Amino acid sequence: MCEHSLKEARALGFKAMQYNFVVSTNQAAVNLWKKCGFNIVGRLPNAFKHKEIGFVDAYIMYQQLLDY
């Protein structure tokens, strides 16, 4: 899904992609986005209520696609 989204975004001329809500405790998802070239550019404190550990942060992840 990530690779397809990046390919389509580039084909459509998007300059960047951003995912607004990646739960910080979901290390598999964080690692996947990083592997696809995304960086954490922001943190939403206590934005997600985890059913076992309570409120945790969410990340905003970003990747520039085209040079300006």
PDB file of N, CA and C in Angstrom:
ATOM      1  N   MET A   1       0.817  -1.177   0.000  1.00  0.00           N
ATOM      2  CA  MET A   1       0.000   0.000   0.000  1.00  0.00           C
ATOM      3  C   MET A   1       0.875   1.260   0.000  1.00  0.00           C
ATOM      4  N   CYS A   2       1.885   1.277   0.830  1.00  0.00           N
ATOM      5  CA  CYS A   2       2.746   2.453   0.916  1.00  0.00           C
ATOM      6  C   CYS A   2       3.467   2.694  -0.411  1.00  0.00           C
ATOM      7  N   GLU A   3       4.081   1.660  -0.957  1.00  0.00           N
ATOM      8  CA  GLU A   3       4.816   1.807  -2.213  1.00  0.00           C
ATOM      9  C   GLU A   3       3.893   2.244  -3.345  1.00  0.00           C
ATOM     10  N   HIS A   4       2.693   1.668  -3.378  1.00  0.00           N
ATOM     11  CA  HIS A   4       1.722   2.045  -4.409  1.00  0.00           C
ATOM     12  C   HIS A   4       1.318   3.510  -4.247  1.00  0.00           C
ATOM     13  N   SER A   5       1.057   3.929  -3.019  1.00  0.00           N
ATOM     14  CA  SER A   5       0.678   5.318  -2.758  1.00  0.00           C
ATOM     15  C   SER A   5       1.771   6.285  -3.193  1.00  0.00           C
ATOM     16  N   LEU A   6       3.019   5.953  -2.877  1.00  0.00           N
ATOM     17  CA  LEU A   6       4.138   6.812  -3.268  1.00  0.00           C
ATOM     18  C   LEU A   6       4.256   6.901  -4.789  1.00  0.00           C
ATOM     19  N   LYS A   7       4.113   5.770  -5.461  1.00  0.00           N
ATOM     20  CA  LYS A   7       4.200   5.739  -6.919  1.00  0.00           C
ATOM     21  C   LYS A   7       3.105   6.594  -7.548  1.00  0.00           C
ATOM     22  N   GLU A   8       1.885   6.441  -7.073  1.00  0.00           N
ATOM     23  CA  GLU A   8       0.775   7.215  -7.614  1.00  0.00           C
ATOM     24  C   GLU A   8       0.932   8.709  -7.319  1.00  0.00           C
ATOM     25  N   ALA A   9       1.376   9.031  -6.121  1.00  0.00           N
ATOM     26  CA  ALA A   9       1.571  10.440  -5.751  1.00  0.00           C
ATOM     27  C   ALA A   9       2.607  11.096  -6.656  1.00  0.00           C
ATOM     28  N   ARG A  10       3.699  10.397  -6.910  1.00  0.00           N
ATOM     29  CA  ARG A  10       4.733  10.933  -7.809  1.00  0.00           C
ATOM     30  C   ARG A  10       4.179  11.115  -9.220  1.00  0.00           C
ATOM     31  N   ALA A  11       3.439  10.116  -9.693  1.00  0.00           N
ATOM     32  CA  ALA A  11       2.871  10.182 -11.045  1.00  0.00           C
ATOM     33  C   ALA A  11       1.897  11.350 -11.182  1.00  0.00           C
ATOM     34  N   LEU A  12       1.223  11.693 -10.102  1.00  0.00           N
ATOM     35  CA  LEU A  12       0.258  12.784 -10.132  1.00  0.00           C
ATOM     36  C   LEU A  12       0.892  14.147  -9.836  1.00  0.00           C
ATOM     37  N   GLY A  13       2.200  14.150  -9.587  1.00  0.00           N
ATOM     38  CA  GLY A  13       2.907  15.402  -9.379  1.00  0.00           C
ATOM     39  C   GLY A  13       2.898  15.942  -7.956  1.00  0.00           C
ATOM     40  N   PHE A  14       2.518  15.101  -7.002  1.00  0.00           N
ATOM     41  CA  PHE A  14       2.551  15.554  -5.611  1.00  0.00           C
ATOM     42  C   PHE A  14       3.989  15.862  -5.208  1.00  0.00           C
ATOM     43  N   LYS A  15       4.171  16.883  -4.417  1.00  0.00           N
ATOM     44  CA  LYS A  15       5.496  17.276  -3.959  1.00  0.00           C
ATOM     45  C   LYS A  15       5.887  16.585  -2.652  1.00  0.00           C
ATOM     46  N   ALA A  16       4.891  16.087  -1.914  1.00  0.00           N
ATOM     47  CA  ALA A  16       5.158  15.435  -0.629  1.00  0.00           C
ATOM     48  C   ALA A  16       3.965  14.578  -0.233  1.00  0.00           C
ATOM     49  N   MET A  17       4.218  13.701   0.730  1.00  0.00           N
ATOM     50  CA  MET A  17       3.147  12.914   1.345  1.00  0.00           C
ATOM     51  C   MET A  17       3.292  13.016   2.850  1.00  0.00           C
ATOM     52  N   GLN A  18       2.142  13.007   3.512  1.00  0.00           N
ATOM     53  CA  GLN A  18       2.136  13.094   4.964  1.00  0.00           C
ATOM     54  C   GLN A  18       1.081  12.144   5.510  1.00  0.00           C
ATOM     55  N   TYR A  19       1.447  11.415   6.557  1.00  0.00           N
ATOM     56  CA  TYR A  19       0.496  10.597   7.295  1.00  0.00           C
ATOM     57  C   TYR A  19       0.348  11.241   8.658  1.00  0.00           C
ATOM     58  N   ASN A  20      -0.882  11.590   9.014  1.00  0.00           N
ATOM     59  CA  ASN A  20      -1.131  12.414  10.183  1.00  0.00           C
ATOM     60  C   ASN A  20      -1.284  11.657  11.489  1.00  0.00           C
ATOM     61  N   PHE A  21      -1.342  10.333  11.456  1.00  0.00           N
ATOM     62  CA  PHE A  21      -1.653   9.643  12.698  1.00  0.00           C
ATOM     63  C   PHE A  21      -1.074   8.232  12.674  1.00  0.00           C
ATOM     64  N   VAL A  22       0.164   8.115  13.113  1.00  0.00           N
ATOM     65  CA  VAL A  22       0.796   6.805  13.267  1.00  0.00           C
ATOM     66  C   VAL A  22       1.047   6.641  14.763  1.00  0.00           C
ATOM     67  N   VAL A  23       0.405   5.646  15.363  1.00  0.00           N
ATOM     68  CA  VAL A  23       0.481   5.461  16.817  1.00  0.00           C
ATOM     69  C   VAL A  23       1.910   5.102  17.218  1.00  0.00           C
ATOM     70  N   SER A  24       2.432   5.835  18.177  1.00  0.00           N
ATOM     71  CA  SER A  24       3.849   5.707  18.554  1.00  0.00           C
ATOM     72  C   SER A  24       4.218   4.321  19.080  1.00  0.00           C
ATOM     73  N   THR A  25       3.282   3.628  19.693  1.00  0.00           N
ATOM     74  CA  THR A  25       3.584   2.296  20.239  1.00  0.00           C
ATOM     75  C   THR A  25       3.512   1.197  19.184  1.00  0.00           C
ATOM     76  N   ASN A  26       3.045   1.518  17.990  1.00  0.00           N
ATOM     77  CA  ASN A  26       2.982   0.543  16.902  1.00  0.00           C
ATOM     78  C   ASN A  26       4.321   0.573  16.169  1.00  0.00           C
ATOM     79  N   GLN A  27       5.311  -0.052  16.785  1.00  0.00           N
ATOM     80  CA  GLN A  27       6.671   0.011  16.262  1.00  0.00           C
ATOM     81  C   GLN A  27       6.791  -0.590  14.867  1.00  0.00           C
ATOM     82  N   ALA A  28       5.997  -1.604  14.572  1.00  0.00           N
ATOM     83  CA  ALA A  28       6.035  -2.202  13.232  1.00  0.00           C
ATOM     84  C   ALA A  28       5.612  -1.175  12.182  1.00  0.00           C
ATOM     85  N   ALA A  29       4.563  -0.416  12.461  1.00  0.00           N
ATOM     86  CA  ALA A  29       4.103   0.603  11.516  1.00  0.00           C
ATOM     87  C   ALA A  29       5.118   1.736  11.398  1.00  0.00           C
ATOM     88  N   VAL A  30       5.649   2.185  12.524  1.00  0.00           N
ATOM     89  CA  VAL A  30       6.653   3.256  12.500  1.00  0.00           C
ATOM     90  C   VAL A  30       7.859   2.819  11.668  1.00  0.00           C
ATOM     91  N   ASN A  31       8.332   1.604  11.895  1.00  0.00           N
ATOM     92  CA  ASN A  31       9.478   1.085  11.140  1.00  0.00           C
ATOM     93  C   ASN A  31       9.171   0.976   9.655  1.00  0.00           C
ATOM     94  N   LEU A  32       7.964   0.554   9.307  1.00  0.00           N
ATOM     95  CA  LEU A  32       7.577   0.428   7.904  1.00  0.00           C
ATOM     96  C   LEU A  32       7.590   1.788   7.212  1.00  0.00           C
ATOM     97  N   TRP A  33       6.987   2.791   7.849  1.00  0.00           N
ATOM     98  CA  TRP A  33       6.972   4.121   7.248  1.00  0.00           C
ATOM     99  C   TRP A  33       8.391   4.651   7.089  1.00  0.00           C
ATOM    100  N   LYS A  34       9.226   4.429   8.094  1.00  0.00           N
ATOM    101  CA  LYS A  34      10.623   4.880   7.989  1.00  0.00           C
ATOM    102  C   LYS A  34      11.343   4.152   6.862  1.00  0.00           C
ATOM    103  N   LYS A  35      11.105   2.856   6.731  1.00  0.00           N
ATOM    104  CA  LYS A  35      11.736   2.069   5.657  1.00  0.00           C
ATOM    105  C   LYS A  35      11.320   2.594   4.280  1.00  0.00           C
ATOM    106  N   CYS A  36      10.117   3.133   4.193  1.00  0.00           N
ATOM    107  CA  CYS A  36       9.618   3.692   2.935  1.00  0.00           C
ATOM    108  C   CYS A  36      10.061   5.137   2.726  1.00  0.00           C
ATOM    109  N   GLY A  37      10.878   5.663   3.639  1.00  0.00           N
ATOM    110  CA  GLY A  37      11.444   6.992   3.440  1.00  0.00           C
ATOM    111  C   GLY A  37      10.773   8.121   4.205  1.00  0.00           C
ATOM    112  N   PHE A  38       9.842   7.791   5.070  1.00  0.00           N
ATOM    113  CA  PHE A  38       9.155   8.819   5.854  1.00  0.00           C
ATOM    114  C   PHE A  38       9.941   9.131   7.120  1.00  0.00           C
ATOM    115  N   ASN A  39       9.791  10.371   7.589  1.00  0.00           N
ATOM    116  CA  ASN A  39      10.412  10.822   8.829  1.00  0.00           C
ATOM    117  C   ASN A  39       9.336  11.330   9.767  1.00  0.00           C
ATOM    118  N   ILE A  40       9.586  11.215  11.049  1.00  0.00           N
ATOM    119  CA  ILE A  40       8.684  11.785  12.047  1.00  0.00           C
ATOM    120  C   ILE A  40       8.941  13.284  12.081  1.00  0.00           C
ATOM    121  N   VAL A  41       7.897  14.067  11.822  1.00  0.00           N
ATOM    122  CA  VAL A  41       8.052  15.521  11.822  1.00  0.00           C
ATOM    123  C   VAL A  41       7.220  16.186  12.919  1.00  0.00           C
ATOM    124  N   GLY A  42       6.412  15.398  13.584  1.00  0.00           N
ATOM    125  CA  GLY A  42       5.597  15.956  14.657  1.00  0.00           C
ATOM    126  C   GLY A  42       5.083  14.868  15.570  1.00  0.00           C
ATOM    127  N   ARG A  43       4.646  15.298  16.734  1.00  0.00           N
ATOM    128  CA  ARG A  43       4.127  14.375  17.734  1.00  0.00           C
ATOM    129  C   ARG A  43       2.846  14.974  18.297  1.00  0.00           C
ATOM    130  N   LEU A  44       1.817  14.145  18.382  1.00  0.00           N
ATOM    131  CA  LEU A  44       0.546  14.545  18.979  1.00  0.00           C
ATOM    132  C   LEU A  44       0.473  13.888  20.360  1.00  0.00           C
ATOM    133  N   PRO A  45       0.713  14.647  21.417  1.00  0.00           N
ATOM    134  CA  PRO A  45       0.764  14.061  22.752  1.00  0.00           C
ATOM    135  C   PRO A  45      -0.577  13.448  23.180  1.00  0.00           C
ATOM    136  N   ASN A  46      -0.507  12.221  23.674  1.00  0.00           N
ATOM    137  CA  ASN A  46      -1.685  11.532  24.230  1.00  0.00           C
ATOM    138  C   ASN A  46      -2.885  11.510  23.282  1.00  0.00           C
ATOM    139  N   ALA A  47      -2.630  11.325  22.003  1.00  0.00           N
ATOM    140  CA  ALA A  47      -3.687  11.425  20.989  1.00  0.00           C
ATOM    141  C   ALA A  47      -4.448  10.119  20.766  1.00  0.00           C
ATOM    142  N   PHE A  48      -3.933   9.018  21.271  1.00  0.00           N
ATOM    143  CA  PHE A  48      -4.552   7.712  21.036  1.00  0.00           C
ATOM    144  C   PHE A  48      -4.716   6.982  22.354  1.00  0.00           C
ATOM    145  N   LYS A  49      -5.904   6.446  22.579  1.00  0.00           N
ATOM    146  CA  LYS A  49      -6.146   5.689  23.818  1.00  0.00           C
ATOM    147  C   LYS A  49      -5.924   4.209  23.548  1.00  0.00           C
ATOM    148  N   HIS A  50      -4.773   3.732  23.948  1.00  0.00           N
ATOM    149  CA  HIS A  50      -4.412   2.323  23.818  1.00  0.00           C
ATOM    150  C   HIS A  50      -5.198   1.536  24.859  1.00  0.00           C
ATOM    151  N   LYS A  51      -5.782   0.425  24.453  1.00  0.00           N
ATOM    152  CA  LYS A  51      -6.671  -0.302  25.372  1.00  0.00           C
ATOM    153  C   LYS A  51      -5.948  -0.922  26.564  1.00  0.00           C
ATOM    154  N   GLU A  52      -4.641  -1.104  26.460  1.00  0.00           N
ATOM    155  CA  GLU A  52      -3.900  -1.722  27.567  1.00  0.00           C
ATOM    156  C   GLU A  52      -3.050  -0.743  28.369  1.00  0.00           C
ATOM    157  N   ILE A  53      -2.487   0.271  27.723  1.00  0.00           N
ATOM    158  CA  ILE A  53      -1.553   1.144  28.447  1.00  0.00           C
ATOM    159  C   ILE A  53      -2.032   2.586  28.568  1.00  0.00           C
ATOM    160  N   GLY A  54      -3.233   2.854  28.108  1.00  0.00           N
ATOM    161  CA  GLY A  54      -3.779   4.202  28.228  1.00  0.00           C
ATOM    162  C   GLY A  54      -3.359   5.097  27.077  1.00  0.00           C
ATOM    163  N   PHE A  55      -3.347   6.389  27.330  1.00  0.00           N
ATOM    164  CA  PHE A  55      -3.073   7.353  26.265  1.00  0.00           C
ATOM    165  C   PHE A  55      -1.599   7.340  25.858  1.00  0.00           C
ATOM    166  N   VAL A  56      -1.379   7.302  24.540  1.00  0.00           N
ATOM    167  CA  VAL A  56      -0.024   7.326  23.973  1.00  0.00           C
ATOM    168  C   VAL A  56       0.004   8.361  22.851  1.00  0.00           C
ATOM    169  N   ASP A  57       1.205   8.736  22.468  1.00  0.00           N
ATOM    170  CA  ASP A  57       1.387   9.737  21.414  1.00  0.00           C
ATOM    171  C   ASP A  57       1.124   9.143  20.030  1.00  0.00           C
ATOM    172  N   ALA A  58       0.867  10.013  19.100  1.00  0.00           N
ATOM    173  CA  ALA A  58       0.799   9.650  17.681  1.00  0.00           C
ATOM    174  C   ALA A  58       1.804  10.529  16.944  1.00  0.00           C
ATOM    175  N   TYR A  59       2.331  10.003  15.848  1.00  0.00           N
ATOM    176  CA  TYR A  59       3.322  10.727  15.059  1.00  0.00           C
ATOM    177  C   TYR A  59       2.703  11.246  13.772  1.00  0.00           C
ATOM    178  N   ILE A  60       3.237  12.350  13.307  1.00  0.00           N
ATOM    179  CA  ILE A  60       2.980  12.843  11.959  1.00  0.00           C
ATOM    180  C   ILE A  60       4.226  12.493  11.157  1.00  0.00           C
ATOM    181  N   MET A  61       4.033  11.767  10.052  1.00  0.00           N
ATOM    182  CA  MET A  61       5.169  11.293   9.262  1.00  0.00           C
ATOM    183  C   MET A  61       5.088  11.896   7.863  1.00  0.00           C
ATOM    184  N   TYR A  62       6.252  12.284   7.336  1.00  0.00           N
ATOM    185  CA  TYR A  62       6.324  13.098   6.123  1.00  0.00           C
ATOM    186  C   TYR A  62       7.458  12.620   5.227  1.00  0.00           C
ATOM    187  N   GLN A  63       7.215  12.762   3.929  1.00  0.00           N
ATOM    188  CA  GLN A  63       8.281  12.480   2.956  1.00  0.00           C
ATOM    189  C   GLN A  63       8.149  13.458   1.783  1.00  0.00           C
ATOM    190  N   GLN A  64       9.226  14.127   1.466  1.00  0.00           N
ATOM    191  CA  GLN A  64       9.266  14.980   0.282  1.00  0.00           C
ATOM    192  C   GLN A  64       9.438  14.080  -0.928  1.00  0.00           C
ATOM    193  N   LEU A  65       8.664  14.333  -1.974  1.00  0.00           N
ATOM    194  CA  LEU A  65       8.704  13.484  -3.167  1.00  0.00           C
ATOM    195  C   LEU A  65       9.452  14.114  -4.325  1.00  0.00           C
ATOM    196  N   LEU A  66       9.336  15.413  -4.481  1.00  0.00           N
ATOM    197  CA  LEU A  66       9.971  16.093  -5.605  1.00  0.00           C
ATOM    198  C   LEU A  66      10.823  17.230  -5.088  1.00  0.00           C
ATOM    199  N   ASP A  67      11.902  17.486  -5.768  1.00  0.00           N
ATOM    200  CA  ASP A  67      12.714  18.653  -5.429  1.00  0.00           C
ATOM    201  C   ASP A  67      11.974  19.914  -5.856  1.00  0.00           C
ATOM    202  N   TYR A  68      12.064  20.916  -5.068  1.00  0.00           N
ATOM    203  CA  TYR A  68      11.385  22.190  -5.374  1.00  0.00           C
ATOM    204  C   TYR A  68      12.214  23.024  -6.307  1.00  0.00           C
TER     205      TYR A  68
END
